[in-house]
Amino acid sequence: MDGTLLDGRFVMALAQRTGREPSLAGLLDNDQLSPTTRTPRIAAVFAGLPKSVFEQVARSLPLKPGAVETVVGLRKAGFVVGIVTDSYRIAAETVRRRVFADFTLSHVLTFRNERTTGRITLCPAMLHPKGCLEHTLCKVNVLEHLREESGVSADQVLAVGDSHNDICLLRTAGDSVPFESRGSDVSGAAQHTVVGDLRGILQLLGLPHPRQAEV
């Protein structure tokens, strides 16, 4: 979601909006903390914020060029398009509606009286006892769940990502695209590369471009 559909990073924009950048700074991208430790601690930074602020920030971040047209084009071609993100469901669902995707898989913040408690439930689909051998929490585990639950194989999946936490998924999916990747290791994990405009994915697949959509 961040850096692929959104031109920006949701938690950073949220921290800037609410004055919580100092509390976030020591946690974000801290490789000394495991994702299962870091993710709940980041969620705790935003304790007490109204639900409406999360939704407003997710609506206000600009979309990447061609985001809507690419999702719509893929769906018209028969793809089921999902947003698999380390961010929060309240943000992911807001972005899903903006780009007309089919579903989201993400971590879930707890809210009470329309304000977050700062507690989080990790996305069950990113955890799997027989999944990724390198990471406990990994997007590639989603593929294992899909295989078990619906019979979809990795060869039938197109994955798009931009960062290090997408590498396992990009390596495993039958077709994969790093969009404006953040490193050579990310680019090297996939079969194709697209920069500038997500509609390049449609071109790679030989699909038509829908008319430009208003969001």
C-alpha atoms as a PDB file:
ATOM      1  CA  MET A   1       0.000   0.000   0.000  1.00  0.00           C
ATOM      2  CA  ASP A   2       2.621   2.550   1.097  1.00  0.00           C
ATOM      3  CA  GLY A   3       4.826   3.500  -1.837  1.00  0.00           C
ATOM      4  CA  THR A   4       2.821   1.452  -4.330  1.00  0.00           C
ATOM      5  CA  LEU A   5      -0.736   2.743  -4.133  1.00  0.00           C
ATOM      6  CA  LEU A   6      -0.043   5.682  -1.815  1.00  0.00           C
ATOM      7  CA  ASP A   7       2.555   8.325  -2.576  1.00  0.00           C
ATOM      8  CA  GLY A   8       3.789   8.362   0.983  1.00  0.00           C
ATOM      9  CA  ARG A   9       3.867   6.315   4.164  1.00  0.00           C
ATOM     10  CA  PHE A  10       0.701   6.217   6.215  1.00  0.00           C
ATOM     11  CA  VAL A  11       2.167   5.995   9.736  1.00  0.00           C
ATOM     12  CA  MET A  12       4.627   8.802   9.010  1.00  0.00           C
ATOM     13  CA  ALA A  13       1.831  11.022   7.696  1.00  0.00           C
ATOM     14  CA  LEU A  14      -0.277  10.138  10.735  1.00  0.00           C
ATOM     15  CA  ALA A  15       2.581  10.961  13.112  1.00  0.00           C
ATOM     16  CA  GLN A  16       3.194  14.288  11.365  1.00  0.00           C
ATOM     17  CA  ARG A  17      -0.498  15.135  11.510  1.00  0.00           C
ATOM     18  CA  THR A  18      -0.749  14.384  15.248  1.00  0.00           C
ATOM     19  CA  GLY A  19       2.656  15.543  16.515  1.00  0.00           C
ATOM     20  CA  ARG A  20       3.879  12.043  17.357  1.00  0.00           C
ATOM     21  CA  GLU A  21       6.958  11.969  15.137  1.00  0.00           C
ATOM     22  CA  PRO A  22       9.470  11.859  18.058  1.00  0.00           C
ATOM     23  CA  SER A  23       7.780   8.783  19.539  1.00  0.00           C
ATOM     24  CA  LEU A  24       7.695   7.036  16.156  1.00  0.00           C
ATOM     25  CA  ALA A  25      11.264   7.860  15.123  1.00  0.00           C
ATOM     26  CA  GLY A  26      12.994   5.252  17.274  1.00  0.00           C
ATOM     27  CA  LEU A  27      10.693   2.452  16.174  1.00  0.00           C
ATOM     28  CA  LEU A  28      10.143   2.828  12.452  1.00  0.00           C
ATOM     29  CA  ASP A  29      12.529   0.663  10.403  1.00  0.00           C
ATOM     30  CA  ASN A  30      14.359  -0.372  13.582  1.00  0.00           C
ATOM     31  CA  ASP A  31      15.973  -3.650  12.508  1.00  0.00           C
ATOM     32  CA  GLN A  32      16.942  -4.479  16.090  1.00  0.00           C
ATOM     33  CA  LEU A  33      13.272  -5.088  16.848  1.00  0.00           C
ATOM     34  CA  SER A  34      11.411  -8.011  15.306  1.00  0.00           C
ATOM     35  CA  PRO A  35       8.236  -7.122  13.374  1.00  0.00           C
ATOM     36  CA  THR A  36       6.127  -8.910  16.000  1.00  0.00           C
ATOM     37  CA  THR A  37       7.602  -6.577  18.636  1.00  0.00           C
ATOM     38  CA  ARG A  38       7.931  -3.404  16.571  1.00  0.00           C
ATOM     39  CA  THR A  39       4.412  -3.429  15.111  1.00  0.00           C
ATOM     40  CA  PRO A  40       2.563  -3.397  18.481  1.00  0.00           C
ATOM     41  CA  ARG A  41       4.920  -0.735  19.821  1.00  0.00           C
ATOM     42  CA  ILE A  42       4.240   1.501  16.828  1.00  0.00           C
ATOM     43  CA  ALA A  43       0.500   1.006  17.317  1.00  0.00           C
ATOM     44  CA  ALA A  44       0.855   2.106  20.957  1.00  0.00           C
ATOM     45  CA  VAL A  45       2.309   5.441  19.773  1.00  0.00           C
ATOM     46  CA  PHE A  46      -1.112   6.357  18.398  1.00  0.00           C
ATOM     47  CA  ALA A  47      -3.156   5.440  21.476  1.00  0.00           C
ATOM     48  CA  GLY A  48      -6.038   7.840  22.080  1.00  0.00           C
ATOM     49  CA  LEU A  49      -6.351   9.140  18.523  1.00  0.00           C
ATOM     50  CA  PRO A  50      -9.871   9.374  17.070  1.00  0.00           C
ATOM     51  CA  LYS A  51     -10.834   6.926  14.345  1.00  0.00           C
ATOM     52  CA  SER A  52     -11.705   9.867  12.106  1.00  0.00           C
ATOM     53  CA  VAL A  53      -8.067  11.033  12.039  1.00  0.00           C
ATOM     54  CA  PHE A  54      -6.904   7.679  10.645  1.00  0.00           C
ATOM     55  CA  GLU A  55      -9.537   7.878   7.922  1.00  0.00           C
ATOM     56  CA  GLN A  56      -8.741  11.510   7.092  1.00  0.00           C
ATOM     57  CA  VAL A  57      -5.008  10.816   6.717  1.00  0.00           C
ATOM     58  CA  ALA A  58      -5.667   7.750   4.534  1.00  0.00           C
ATOM     59  CA  ARG A  59      -7.940   9.845   2.305  1.00  0.00           C
ATOM     60  CA  SER A  60      -5.579  12.813   2.095  1.00  0.00           C
ATOM     61  CA  LEU A  61      -2.388  11.038   1.006  1.00  0.00           C
ATOM     62  CA  PRO A  62      -2.024  11.284  -2.782  1.00  0.00           C
ATOM     63  CA  LEU A  63      -2.275   8.130  -4.842  1.00  0.00           C
ATOM     64  CA  LYS A  64       0.536   6.985  -7.109  1.00  0.00           C
ATOM     65  CA  PRO A  65      -0.007   7.800 -10.795  1.00  0.00           C
ATOM     66  CA  GLY A  66      -2.220   5.209 -12.441  1.00  0.00           C
ATOM     67  CA  ALA A  67      -3.234   3.527  -9.163  1.00  0.00           C
ATOM     68  CA  VAL A  68      -6.982   3.556  -9.812  1.00  0.00           C
ATOM     69  CA  GLU A  69      -6.704   2.754 -13.500  1.00  0.00           C
ATOM     70  CA  THR A  70      -4.378  -0.175 -12.822  1.00  0.00           C
ATOM     71  CA  VAL A  71      -6.623  -1.748 -10.190  1.00  0.00           C
ATOM     72  CA  VAL A  72      -9.684  -1.275 -12.377  1.00  0.00           C
ATOM     73  CA  GLY A  73      -7.841  -2.652 -15.421  1.00  0.00           C
ATOM     74  CA  LEU A  74      -6.701  -5.743 -13.540  1.00  0.00           C
ATOM     75  CA  ARG A  75     -10.187  -6.409 -12.230  1.00  0.00           C
ATOM     76  CA  LYS A  76     -11.684  -6.042 -15.697  1.00  0.00           C
ATOM     77  CA  ALA A  77      -9.160  -8.648 -16.895  1.00  0.00           C
ATOM     78  CA  GLY A  78     -10.388 -11.089 -14.255  1.00  0.00           C
ATOM     79  CA  PHE A  79      -7.907 -10.495 -11.445  1.00  0.00           C
ATOM     80  CA  VAL A  80      -9.044 -10.350  -7.830  1.00  0.00           C
ATOM     81  CA  VAL A  81      -7.074  -7.415  -6.402  1.00  0.00           C
ATOM     82  CA  GLY A  82      -6.112  -7.314  -2.750  1.00  0.00           C
ATOM     83  CA  ILE A  83      -4.101  -4.913  -0.604  1.00  0.00           C
ATOM     84  CA  VAL A  84      -1.707  -6.835   1.673  1.00  0.00           C
ATOM     85  CA  THR A  85      -0.094  -4.351   4.030  1.00  0.00           C
ATOM     86  CA  ASP A  86       1.724  -4.008   7.339  1.00  0.00           C
ATOM     87  CA  SER A  87      -0.430  -0.958   8.004  1.00  0.00           C
ATOM     88  CA  TYR A  88      -3.828  -0.861   9.726  1.00  0.00           C
ATOM     89  CA  ARG A  89      -7.150  -2.106   8.410  1.00  0.00           C
ATOM     90  CA  ILE A  90      -8.837   1.252   8.973  1.00  0.00           C
ATOM     91  CA  ALA A  91      -6.301   2.833   6.588  1.00  0.00           C
ATOM     92  CA  ALA A  92      -6.197  -0.083   4.170  1.00  0.00           C
ATOM     93  CA  GLU A  93      -9.977  -0.160   3.840  1.00  0.00           C
ATOM     94  CA  THR A  94     -10.043   3.573   3.141  1.00  0.00           C
ATOM     95  CA  VAL A  95      -7.453   3.125   0.386  1.00  0.00           C
ATOM     96  CA  ARG A  96      -9.271   0.041  -0.945  1.00  0.00           C
ATOM     97  CA  ARG A  97     -12.393   2.117  -1.510  1.00  0.00           C
ATOM     98  CA  ARG A  98     -10.354   4.857  -3.204  1.00  0.00           C
ATOM     99  CA  VAL A  99      -8.832   2.474  -5.760  1.00  0.00           C
ATOM    100  CA  PHE A 100     -11.745  -0.021  -6.017  1.00  0.00           C
ATOM    101  CA  ALA A 101      -9.732  -3.053  -4.871  1.00  0.00           C
ATOM    102  CA  ASP A 102     -11.521  -6.248  -3.814  1.00  0.00           C
ATOM    103  CA  PHE A 103     -10.156  -6.891  -0.319  1.00  0.00           C
ATOM    104  CA  THR A 104      -7.520  -6.003   2.263  1.00  0.00           C
ATOM    105  CA  LEU A 105      -5.322  -8.027   4.607  1.00  0.00           C
ATOM    106  CA  SER A 106      -3.748  -5.960   7.366  1.00  0.00           C
ATOM    107  CA  HIS A 107      -3.233  -5.546  11.083  1.00  0.00           C
ATOM    108  CA  VAL A 108      -6.260  -4.473  13.125  1.00  0.00           C
ATOM    109  CA  LEU A 109      -6.241  -1.659  15.659  1.00  0.00           C
ATOM    110  CA  THR A 110      -8.649  -1.822  18.579  1.00  0.00           C
ATOM    111  CA  PHE A 111     -10.998   1.142  19.052  1.00  0.00           C
ATOM    112  CA  ARG A 112     -13.154   2.036  22.027  1.00  0.00           C
ATOM    113  CA  ASN A 113     -15.583   4.952  21.915  1.00  0.00           C
ATOM    114  CA  GLU A 114     -14.188   5.900  18.486  1.00  0.00           C
ATOM    115  CA  ARG A 115     -10.607   6.221  19.796  1.00  0.00           C
ATOM    116  CA  THR A 116      -7.811   3.710  19.440  1.00  0.00           C
ATOM    117  CA  THR A 117      -6.607   1.896  22.533  1.00  0.00           C
ATOM    118  CA  GLY A 118      -3.171   1.484  20.976  1.00  0.00           C
ATOM    119  CA  ARG A 119      -3.579  -2.296  20.966  1.00  0.00           C
ATOM    120  CA  ILE A 120      -3.323  -4.299  17.774  1.00  0.00           C
ATOM    121  CA  THR A 121      -4.181  -7.729  16.446  1.00  0.00           C
ATOM    122  CA  LEU A 122      -1.582  -8.975  13.995  1.00  0.00           C
ATOM    123  CA  CYS A 123      -2.944 -10.064  10.631  1.00  0.00           C
ATOM    124  CA  PRO A 124      -3.582 -13.840  10.906  1.00  0.00           C
ATOM    125  CA  ALA A 125      -2.957 -14.332   7.173  1.00  0.00           C
ATOM    126  CA  MET A 126       0.659 -13.170   7.611  1.00  0.00           C
ATOM    127  CA  LEU A 127       1.311 -15.934  10.150  1.00  0.00           C
ATOM    128  CA  HIS A 128       1.616 -19.589   9.151  1.00  0.00           C
ATOM    129  CA  PRO A 129       3.303 -22.526  10.915  1.00  0.00           C
ATOM    130  CA  LYS A 130       4.530 -23.953   7.578  1.00  0.00           C
ATOM    131  CA  GLY A 131       5.084 -20.646   5.806  1.00  0.00           C
ATOM    132  CA  CYS A 132       8.133 -18.402   5.514  1.00  0.00           C
ATOM    133  CA  LEU A 133      11.249 -19.995   7.015  1.00  0.00           C
ATOM    134  CA  GLU A 134      12.936 -16.613   7.526  1.00  0.00           C
ATOM    135  CA  HIS A 135      10.217 -14.453   9.082  1.00  0.00           C
ATOM    136  CA  THR A 136       7.428 -15.195  11.540  1.00  0.00           C
ATOM    137  CA  LEU A 137       5.332 -12.356  10.162  1.00  0.00           C
ATOM    138  CA  CYS A 138       5.527 -12.343   6.363  1.00  0.00           C
ATOM    139  CA  LYS A 139       3.376 -11.421   3.375  1.00  0.00           C
ATOM    140  CA  VAL A 140       4.365 -14.629   1.605  1.00  0.00           C
ATOM    141  CA  ASN A 141       2.415 -16.554   4.240  1.00  0.00           C
ATOM    142  CA  VAL A 142      -0.710 -15.133   2.619  1.00  0.00           C
ATOM    143  CA  LEU A 143       0.039 -17.313  -0.410  1.00  0.00           C
ATOM    144  CA  GLU A 144       0.165 -20.416   1.759  1.00  0.00           C
ATOM    145  CA  HIS A 145      -3.255 -19.594   3.217  1.00  0.00           C
ATOM    146  CA  LEU A 146      -4.660 -18.951  -0.261  1.00  0.00           C
ATOM    147  CA  ARG A 147      -3.294 -22.273  -1.462  1.00  0.00           C
ATOM    148  CA  GLU A 148      -4.900 -24.138   1.429  1.00  0.00           C
ATOM    149  CA  GLU A 149      -8.223 -22.324   1.440  1.00  0.00           C
ATOM    150  CA  SER A 150      -8.990 -21.740  -2.224  1.00  0.00           C
ATOM    151  CA  GLY A 151      -6.572 -23.839  -4.247  1.00  0.00           C
ATOM    152  CA  VAL A 152      -4.851 -20.792  -5.753  1.00  0.00           C
ATOM    153  CA  SER A 153      -1.218 -21.546  -6.521  1.00  0.00           C
ATOM    154  CA  ALA A 154       1.717 -19.143  -6.341  1.00  0.00           C
ATOM    155  CA  ASP A 155       1.958 -19.348 -10.141  1.00  0.00           C
ATOM    156  CA  GLN A 156      -1.466 -17.707 -10.402  1.00  0.00           C
ATOM    157  CA  VAL A 157      -0.480 -14.678  -8.308  1.00  0.00           C
ATOM    158  CA  LEU A 158       0.791 -11.295  -9.497  1.00  0.00           C
ATOM    159  CA  ALA A 159       2.585  -9.462  -6.665  1.00  0.00           C
ATOM    160  CA  VAL A 160       3.517  -5.770  -6.614  1.00  0.00           C
ATOM    161  CA  GLY A 161       5.713  -4.219  -3.931  1.00  0.00           C
ATOM    162  CA  ASP A 162       8.478  -1.716  -3.280  1.00  0.00           C
ATOM    163  CA  SER A 163      10.275  -2.506  -0.027  1.00  0.00           C
ATOM    164  CA  HIS A 164      12.264  -5.143   1.839  1.00  0.00           C
ATOM    165  CA  ASN A 165       9.231  -6.620   3.537  1.00  0.00           C
ATOM    166  CA  ASP A 166       7.873  -7.463   0.074  1.00  0.00           C
ATOM    167  CA  ILE A 167      10.904  -9.488  -1.034  1.00  0.00           C
ATOM    168  CA  CYS A 168       9.658 -12.930   0.037  1.00  0.00           C
ATOM    169  CA  LEU A 169       6.334 -12.346  -1.705  1.00  0.00           C
ATOM    170  CA  LEU A 170       7.981 -11.027  -4.861  1.00  0.00           C
ATOM    171  CA  ARG A 171      10.268 -14.062  -5.020  1.00  0.00           C
ATOM    172  CA  THR A 172       7.453 -16.572  -4.574  1.00  0.00           C
ATOM    173  CA  ALA A 173       4.652 -15.164  -6.729  1.00  0.00           C
ATOM    174  CA  GLY A 174       4.325 -16.499 -10.267  1.00  0.00           C
ATOM    175  CA  ASP A 175       4.629 -12.964 -11.647  1.00  0.00           C
ATOM    176  CA  SER A 176       6.004 -10.020  -9.692  1.00  0.00           C
ATOM    177  CA  VAL A 177       6.726  -6.344 -10.157  1.00  0.00           C
ATOM    178  CA  PRO A 178       8.772  -4.050  -7.895  1.00  0.00           C
ATOM    179  CA  PHE A 179       7.273  -0.596  -8.365  1.00  0.00           C
ATOM    180  CA  GLU A 180       9.889   2.104  -7.756  1.00  0.00           C
ATOM    181  CA  SER A 181      11.717  -0.306  -5.450  1.00  0.00           C
ATOM    182  CA  ARG A 182      13.734   0.928  -2.492  1.00  0.00           C
ATOM    183  CA  GLY A 183      16.764  -1.246  -3.201  1.00  0.00           C
ATOM    184  CA  SER A 184      18.503  -3.516  -5.678  1.00  0.00           C
ATOM    185  CA  ASP A 185      17.617  -6.560  -3.568  1.00  0.00           C
ATOM    186  CA  VAL A 186      13.935  -5.693  -3.961  1.00  0.00           C
ATOM    187  CA  SER A 187      14.302  -5.284  -7.722  1.00  0.00           C
ATOM    188  CA  GLY A 188      16.281  -8.510  -7.939  1.00  0.00           C
ATOM    189  CA  ALA A 189      13.505 -10.478  -6.262  1.00  0.00           C
ATOM    190  CA  ALA A 190      11.049  -9.902  -9.117  1.00  0.00           C
ATOM    191  CA  GLN A 191      10.703 -10.624 -12.813  1.00  0.00           C
ATOM    192  CA  HIS A 192       9.843  -7.112 -14.005  1.00  0.00           C
ATOM    193  CA  THR A 193      10.335  -3.483 -13.034  1.00  0.00           C
ATOM    194  CA  VAL A 194       7.893  -0.594 -13.338  1.00  0.00           C
ATOM    195  CA  VAL A 195       8.628   3.046 -12.495  1.00  0.00           C
ATOM    196  CA  GLY A 196       6.687   6.275 -12.655  1.00  0.00           C
ATOM    197  CA  ASP A 197       3.192   5.017 -13.391  1.00  0.00           C
ATOM    198  CA  LEU A 198       1.464   1.859 -12.196  1.00  0.00           C
ATOM    199  CA  ARG A 199      -0.204   1.490 -15.577  1.00  0.00           C
ATOM    200  CA  GLY A 200       3.095   0.037 -16.712  1.00  0.00           C
ATOM    201  CA  ILE A 201       1.834  -3.175 -15.096  1.00  0.00           C
ATOM    202  CA  LEU A 202      -1.068  -3.255 -17.525  1.00  0.00           C
ATOM    203  CA  GLN A 203       1.368  -2.739 -20.392  1.00  0.00           C
ATOM    204  CA  LEU A 204       3.529  -5.642 -19.189  1.00  0.00           C
ATOM    205  CA  LEU A 205       0.481  -7.886 -19.177  1.00  0.00           C
ATOM    206  CA  GLY A 206      -0.775  -6.620 -22.526  1.00  0.00           C
ATOM    207  CA  LEU A 207      -3.952  -5.235 -20.962  1.00  0.00           C
ATOM    208  CA  PRO A 208      -5.842  -2.102 -22.078  1.00  0.00           C
ATOM    209  CA  HIS A 209      -5.766   1.076 -19.999  1.00  0.00           C
ATOM    210  CA  PRO A 210      -9.151   2.157 -18.589  1.00  0.00           C
ATOM    211  CA  ARG A 211     -10.086   5.797 -18.934  1.00  0.00           C
ATOM    212  CA  GLN A 212      -8.571   8.036 -16.287  1.00  0.00           C
ATOM    213  CA  ALA A 213     -10.675   7.886 -13.130  1.00  0.00           C
ATOM    214  CA  GLU A 214     -11.555  10.682 -10.735  1.00  0.00           C
ATOM    215  CA  VAL A 215     -10.896   9.854  -7.060  1.00  0.00           C
END
